[in-house]
Amino acid sequence: MRIGLKVIAGAKRERLEKISEASYRIKVASPPEKGRANKRVIELLAAEFGVRKRDIIIVSGETGNKKILEINK
């Protein structure tokens, strides 16, 4: 399954919001430095979808705030 994701890093509260069937907005407290925000995004999504962290791959947008992720169930 592929999802589109808008990441807001450095937020005060962490939160995952579903915008549409395959589109989400996520707020993470981690800063967007050295991949910390990406790591936290993957941790939160793995918990939300009940998959292992290694089953989530960032397909595009590694350094931007708009990403496409592949989640293998």
Protein backbone atom coordinates (compact mmCIF):
# COMPACT_ATOMS: atom_id res chain seq x y z
CA MET A 1 0.00 0.00 0.00
CA ARG A 2 1.30 3.47 -0.87
CA ILE A 3 0.39 6.58 1.05
CA GLY A 4 1.11 10.26 0.60
CA LEU A 5 2.31 12.01 3.70
CA LYS A 6 2.90 15.61 4.73
CA VAL A 7 5.34 15.79 7.65
CA ILE A 8 5.46 18.63 10.13
CA ALA A 9 8.65 18.22 12.16
CA GLY A 10 9.42 19.94 15.45
CA ALA A 11 5.77 19.97 16.57
CA LYS A 12 4.80 20.22 20.23
CA ARG A 13 2.43 17.23 20.00
CA GLU A 14 2.78 14.13 17.86
CA ARG A 15 -0.30 13.33 15.84
CA LEU A 16 -1.40 11.41 12.76
CA GLU A 17 -4.33 12.80 10.78
CA LYS A 18 -6.05 10.97 7.95
CA ILE A 19 -6.93 13.34 5.12
CA SER A 20 -8.19 10.80 2.59
CA GLU A 21 -7.91 7.07 1.94
CA ALA A 22 -4.23 7.30 0.93
CA SER A 23 -3.23 10.70 2.27
CA TYR A 24 -2.09 11.62 5.78
CA ARG A 25 -0.61 14.51 7.73
CA ILE A 26 1.73 13.70 10.59
CA LYS A 27 3.24 15.92 13.25
CA VAL A 28 6.39 14.72 15.02
CA ALA A 29 8.39 16.29 17.81
CA SER A 30 11.74 15.23 16.33
CA PRO A 31 13.70 17.88 14.43
CA PRO A 32 14.28 17.50 10.68
CA GLU A 33 18.01 16.93 11.19
CA LYS A 34 20.05 13.86 10.32
CA GLY A 35 16.92 11.82 9.50
CA ARG A 36 15.49 12.03 13.03
CA ALA A 37 12.04 13.11 11.84
CA ASN A 38 11.96 10.35 9.20
CA LYS A 39 12.87 7.77 11.82
CA ARG A 40 10.07 8.97 14.13
CA VAL A 41 7.57 9.02 11.24
CA ILE A 42 8.36 5.37 10.49
CA GLU A 43 8.03 4.43 14.18
CA LEU A 44 4.61 6.08 14.46
CA LEU A 45 3.31 4.61 11.20
CA ALA A 46 4.51 1.13 12.14
CA ALA A 47 2.55 1.34 15.40
CA GLU A 48 -0.53 2.76 13.64
CA PHE A 49 -0.66 0.12 10.89
CA GLY A 50 0.58 -2.80 13.00
CA VAL A 51 3.65 -3.57 10.89
CA ARG A 52 7.37 -3.76 11.55
CA LYS A 53 9.47 -0.65 10.98
CA ARG A 54 11.44 -2.41 8.26
CA ASP A 55 8.20 -2.93 6.31
CA ILE A 56 7.90 0.83 5.69
CA ILE A 57 9.99 2.37 2.92
CA ILE A 58 10.24 6.03 1.92
CA VAL A 59 9.78 5.90 -1.86
CA SER A 60 10.22 9.62 -2.46
CA GLY A 61 10.68 12.80 -0.45
CA GLU A 62 13.50 11.64 1.83
CA THR A 63 14.61 15.22 2.54
CA GLY A 64 11.34 17.10 1.99
CA ASN A 65 8.17 17.42 4.00
CA LYS A 66 6.01 15.71 1.34
CA LYS A 67 6.70 12.00 1.10
CA ILE A 68 5.38 8.85 -0.53
CA LEU A 69 5.76 5.74 1.58
CA GLU A 70 5.30 2.06 0.77
CA ILE A 71 3.84 -0.03 3.59
CA ASN A 72 4.15 -3.80 3.16
CA LYS A 73 1.64 -5.73 5.24
